[in-house]
Amino acid sequence: MTVQQNYWDMDQADTLTTHKTNNIPGSLAIWAAILAEMSEFAVMFVVYFLAKVHNPELFHEGPTRLSTSAGTANTLIMLTSSFLWYEA
């Protein structure tokens, strides 16, 4: 048996033992959960944009009613807690 013939036999064995299937990876439950999440976010964006189109005055006045210091404090708390959780 030559070296070339031995390589051919190995290639043939690989093609005989490994067959390709067209299965989608993951279970049906995972794909259902992904589809549910995508649908939920799509609905939320549609509702947001519809509300913005139908009530533009509320969306223009909204930023004036927000507290910049409260938003900054909330952001710092969230970043600090995430950092501490990562370091733990």
N, C-alpha and C. Protein backbone atom coordinates (compact mmCIF):
# COMPACT_ATOMS: atom_id res chain seq x y z
N MET A 1 0.86 -1.17 0.00
CA MET A 1 0.00 0.00 0.00
C MET A 1 0.90 1.23 0.00
N THR A 2 0.65 2.12 -0.91
CA THR A 2 1.45 3.33 -1.00
C THR A 2 0.88 4.41 -0.10
N VAL A 3 1.68 5.45 0.11
CA VAL A 3 1.25 6.56 0.96
C VAL A 3 0.06 7.26 0.31
N GLN A 4 0.11 7.44 -1.01
CA GLN A 4 -0.98 8.12 -1.71
C GLN A 4 -2.28 7.33 -1.58
N GLN A 5 -2.21 6.03 -1.69
CA GLN A 5 -3.40 5.20 -1.56
C GLN A 5 -3.94 5.27 -0.13
N ASN A 6 -3.06 5.34 0.87
CA ASN A 6 -3.48 5.43 2.25
C ASN A 6 -4.25 6.74 2.48
N TYR A 7 -3.77 7.87 1.93
CA TYR A 7 -4.49 9.14 2.05
C TYR A 7 -5.85 9.06 1.36
N TRP A 8 -5.90 8.40 0.22
CA TRP A 8 -7.18 8.27 -0.48
C TRP A 8 -8.18 7.49 0.36
N ASP A 9 -7.70 6.42 1.01
CA ASP A 9 -8.57 5.62 1.86
C ASP A 9 -9.09 6.44 3.04
N MET A 10 -8.23 7.31 3.61
CA MET A 10 -8.67 8.15 4.73
C MET A 10 -9.71 9.16 4.27
N ASP A 11 -9.51 9.75 3.10
CA ASP A 11 -10.49 10.70 2.58
C ASP A 11 -11.81 10.01 2.31
N GLN A 12 -11.76 8.83 1.76
CA GLN A 12 -12.99 8.10 1.46
C GLN A 12 -13.70 7.72 2.76
N ALA A 13 -12.95 7.33 3.77
CA ALA A 13 -13.56 6.98 5.06
C ALA A 13 -14.23 8.20 5.68
N ASP A 14 -13.60 9.37 5.56
CA ASP A 14 -14.20 10.59 6.11
C ASP A 14 -15.51 10.91 5.40
N THR A 15 -15.55 10.77 4.11
CA THR A 15 -16.78 11.10 3.38
C THR A 15 -17.87 10.08 3.65
N LEU A 16 -17.49 8.86 3.98
CA LEU A 16 -18.51 7.85 4.26
C LEU A 16 -19.08 8.01 5.67
N THR A 17 -18.26 8.46 6.63
CA THR A 17 -18.74 8.53 8.00
C THR A 17 -19.37 9.88 8.34
N THR A 18 -18.96 10.93 7.67
CA THR A 18 -19.55 12.24 7.97
C THR A 18 -20.45 12.64 6.82
N HIS A 19 -21.71 12.71 7.08
CA HIS A 19 -22.64 13.17 6.06
C HIS A 19 -23.22 14.50 6.51
N LYS A 20 -23.46 15.35 5.57
CA LYS A 20 -23.97 16.68 5.89
C LYS A 20 -25.49 16.63 5.94
N THR A 21 -26.01 17.26 6.97
CA THR A 21 -27.45 17.40 7.08
C THR A 21 -27.79 18.88 7.02
N ASN A 22 -28.95 19.20 6.64
CA ASN A 22 -29.38 20.58 6.54
C ASN A 22 -30.20 21.00 7.75
N ASN A 23 -29.90 20.44 8.91
CA ASN A 23 -30.61 20.79 10.14
C ASN A 23 -30.15 22.15 10.64
N ILE A 24 -31.07 22.91 11.17
CA ILE A 24 -30.75 24.19 11.77
C ILE A 24 -30.22 23.92 13.17
N PRO A 25 -29.11 24.55 13.57
CA PRO A 25 -28.57 24.28 14.90
C PRO A 25 -29.51 24.80 15.99
N GLY A 26 -29.48 24.16 17.13
CA GLY A 26 -30.33 24.56 18.25
C GLY A 26 -31.68 23.86 18.19
N SER A 27 -32.36 23.91 19.30
CA SER A 27 -33.66 23.25 19.36
C SER A 27 -34.76 24.21 18.91
N LEU A 28 -35.92 23.67 18.71
CA LEU A 28 -37.07 24.48 18.30
C LEU A 28 -37.43 25.50 19.37
N ALA A 29 -37.26 25.13 20.64
CA ALA A 29 -37.59 26.05 21.74
C ALA A 29 -36.69 27.29 21.72
N ILE A 30 -35.42 27.11 21.42
CA ILE A 30 -34.51 28.26 21.34
C ILE A 30 -34.94 29.20 20.23
N TRP A 31 -35.26 28.65 19.07
CA TRP A 31 -35.67 29.50 17.95
C TRP A 31 -37.02 30.17 18.21
N ALA A 32 -37.90 29.49 18.94
CA ALA A 32 -39.17 30.12 19.31
C ALA A 32 -38.93 31.29 20.27
N ALA A 33 -38.01 31.12 21.20
CA ALA A 33 -37.68 32.20 22.13
C ALA A 33 -37.05 33.39 21.40
N ILE A 34 -36.15 33.12 20.47
CA ILE A 34 -35.53 34.19 19.69
C ILE A 34 -36.58 34.93 18.87
N LEU A 35 -37.49 34.20 18.25
CA LEU A 35 -38.55 34.82 17.47
C LEU A 35 -39.47 35.66 18.36
N ALA A 36 -39.76 35.15 19.57
CA ALA A 36 -40.60 35.90 20.50
C ALA A 36 -39.93 37.20 20.91
N GLU A 37 -38.62 37.16 21.20
CA GLU A 37 -37.89 38.38 21.57
C GLU A 37 -37.87 39.38 20.42
N MET A 38 -37.61 38.90 19.22
CA MET A 38 -37.58 39.80 18.07
C MET A 38 -38.95 40.43 17.83
N SER A 39 -39.99 39.63 17.98
CA SER A 39 -41.35 40.16 17.80
C SER A 39 -41.69 41.19 18.86
N GLU A 40 -41.29 40.91 20.10
CA GLU A 40 -41.55 41.86 21.19
C GLU A 40 -40.89 43.20 20.93
N PHE A 41 -39.62 43.19 20.54
CA PHE A 41 -38.93 44.44 20.27
C PHE A 41 -39.51 45.14 19.05
N ALA A 42 -39.91 44.39 18.04
CA ALA A 42 -40.53 45.00 16.86
C ALA A 42 -41.82 45.71 17.24
N VAL A 43 -42.63 45.07 18.06
CA VAL A 43 -43.89 45.69 18.50
C VAL A 43 -43.61 46.93 19.33
N MET A 44 -42.62 46.87 20.21
CA MET A 44 -42.31 48.04 21.04
C MET A 44 -41.85 49.22 20.18
N PHE A 45 -41.02 48.97 19.16
CA PHE A 45 -40.58 50.05 18.29
C PHE A 45 -41.73 50.61 17.48
N VAL A 46 -42.62 49.77 17.00
CA VAL A 46 -43.78 50.25 16.24
C VAL A 46 -44.66 51.12 17.12
N VAL A 47 -44.93 50.69 18.34
CA VAL A 47 -45.76 51.47 19.26
C VAL A 47 -45.08 52.81 19.58
N TYR A 48 -43.77 52.79 19.80
CA TYR A 48 -43.04 54.03 20.09
C TYR A 48 -43.15 55.01 18.93
N PHE A 49 -42.90 54.54 17.72
CA PHE A 49 -42.94 55.45 16.58
C PHE A 49 -44.35 55.93 16.27
N LEU A 50 -45.33 55.07 16.46
CA LEU A 50 -46.72 55.52 16.28
C LEU A 50 -47.09 56.58 17.31
N ALA A 51 -46.67 56.38 18.56
CA ALA A 51 -46.95 57.37 19.60
C ALA A 51 -46.24 58.68 19.29
N LYS A 52 -45.03 58.61 18.77
CA LYS A 52 -44.28 59.81 18.45
C LYS A 52 -44.92 60.56 17.29
N VAL A 53 -45.45 59.84 16.32
CA VAL A 53 -46.11 60.50 15.18
C VAL A 53 -47.43 61.14 15.59
N HIS A 54 -48.18 60.48 16.46
CA HIS A 54 -49.50 60.98 16.84
C HIS A 54 -49.47 62.00 17.97
N ASN A 55 -48.39 62.06 18.74
CA ASN A 55 -48.28 63.01 19.86
C ASN A 55 -46.93 63.72 19.83
N PRO A 56 -46.62 64.47 18.79
CA PRO A 56 -45.29 65.09 18.72
C PRO A 56 -45.04 66.12 19.81
N GLU A 57 -46.11 66.80 20.29
CA GLU A 57 -45.92 67.82 21.32
C GLU A 57 -45.43 67.20 22.63
N LEU A 58 -45.90 66.00 22.95
CA LEU A 58 -45.44 65.32 24.17
C LEU A 58 -43.96 64.93 24.05
N PHE A 59 -43.55 64.52 22.87
CA PHE A 59 -42.16 64.11 22.69
C PHE A 59 -41.22 65.31 22.65
N HIS A 60 -41.70 66.47 22.25
CA HIS A 60 -40.87 67.67 22.26
C HIS A 60 -40.74 68.24 23.67
N GLU A 61 -41.75 68.10 24.48
CA GLU A 61 -41.71 68.64 25.84
C GLU A 61 -41.07 67.67 26.82
N GLY A 62 -40.94 66.43 26.47
CA GLY A 62 -40.40 65.41 27.37
C GLY A 62 -39.03 65.69 27.92
N PRO A 63 -38.02 66.06 27.09
CA PRO A 63 -36.68 66.30 27.64
C PRO A 63 -36.62 67.44 28.65
N THR A 64 -37.52 68.39 28.57
CA THR A 64 -37.50 69.49 29.54
C THR A 64 -37.97 69.05 30.92
N ARG A 65 -38.66 67.93 30.98
CA ARG A 65 -39.18 67.43 32.25
C ARG A 65 -38.25 66.43 32.92
N LEU A 66 -37.12 66.11 32.27
CA LEU A 66 -36.18 65.15 32.84
C LEU A 66 -35.13 65.84 33.69
N SER A 67 -34.63 65.12 34.70
CA SER A 67 -33.59 65.64 35.58
C SER A 67 -32.23 65.10 35.11
N THR A 68 -31.35 66.02 34.72
CA THR A 68 -30.02 65.60 34.25
C THR A 68 -29.21 64.99 35.38
N SER A 69 -29.30 65.55 36.58
CA SER A 69 -28.53 65.00 37.71
C SER A 69 -29.02 63.61 38.10
N ALA A 70 -30.33 63.38 38.06
CA ALA A 70 -30.85 62.04 38.36
C ALA A 70 -30.41 61.03 37.30
N GLY A 71 -30.41 61.44 36.04
CA GLY A 71 -29.95 60.55 34.97
C GLY A 71 -28.48 60.23 35.08
N THR A 72 -27.68 61.24 35.46
CA THR A 72 -26.24 61.02 35.64
C THR A 72 -25.99 60.09 36.82
N ALA A 73 -26.69 60.30 37.92
CA ALA A 73 -26.53 59.44 39.09
C ALA A 73 -26.94 58.00 38.77
N ASN A 74 -28.04 57.85 38.06
CA ASN A 74 -28.51 56.51 37.69
C ASN A 74 -27.48 55.81 36.80
N THR A 75 -26.92 56.53 35.85
CA THR A 75 -25.91 55.95 34.96
C THR A 75 -24.67 55.53 35.74
N LEU A 76 -24.21 56.38 36.65
CA LEU A 76 -23.03 56.03 37.46
C LEU A 76 -23.29 54.82 38.35
N ILE A 77 -24.47 54.73 38.92
CA ILE A 77 -24.82 53.58 39.75
C ILE A 77 -24.83 52.30 38.92
N MET A 78 -25.42 52.38 37.74
CA MET A 78 -25.49 51.19 36.86
C MET A 78 -24.09 50.76 36.42
N LEU A 79 -23.25 51.72 36.02
CA LEU A 79 -21.89 51.38 35.59
C LEU A 79 -21.07 50.80 36.74
N THR A 80 -21.19 51.40 37.93
CA THR A 80 -20.46 50.90 39.09
C THR A 80 -20.91 49.50 39.47
N SER A 81 -22.21 49.26 39.48
CA SER A 81 -22.69 47.92 39.85
C SER A 81 -22.28 46.88 38.81
N SER A 82 -22.28 47.24 37.55
CA SER A 82 -21.83 46.30 36.51
C SER A 82 -20.35 46.00 36.67
N PHE A 83 -19.55 47.03 36.95
CA PHE A 83 -18.12 46.82 37.14
C PHE A 83 -17.86 45.94 38.35
N LEU A 84 -18.53 46.19 39.45
CA LEU A 84 -18.33 45.40 40.65
C LEU A 84 -18.78 43.96 40.47
N TRP A 85 -19.87 43.76 39.74
CA TRP A 85 -20.33 42.39 39.47
C TRP A 85 -19.31 41.66 38.61
N TYR A 86 -18.73 42.36 37.63
CA TYR A 86 -17.74 41.74 36.75
C TYR A 86 -16.49 41.36 37.52
N GLU A 87 -16.09 42.21 38.45
CA GLU A 87 -14.88 41.96 39.23
C GLU A 87 -15.06 40.89 40.30
N ALA A 88 -16.28 40.60 40.68
CA ALA A 88 -16.53 39.63 41.76
C ALA A 88 -16.20 38.22 41.35
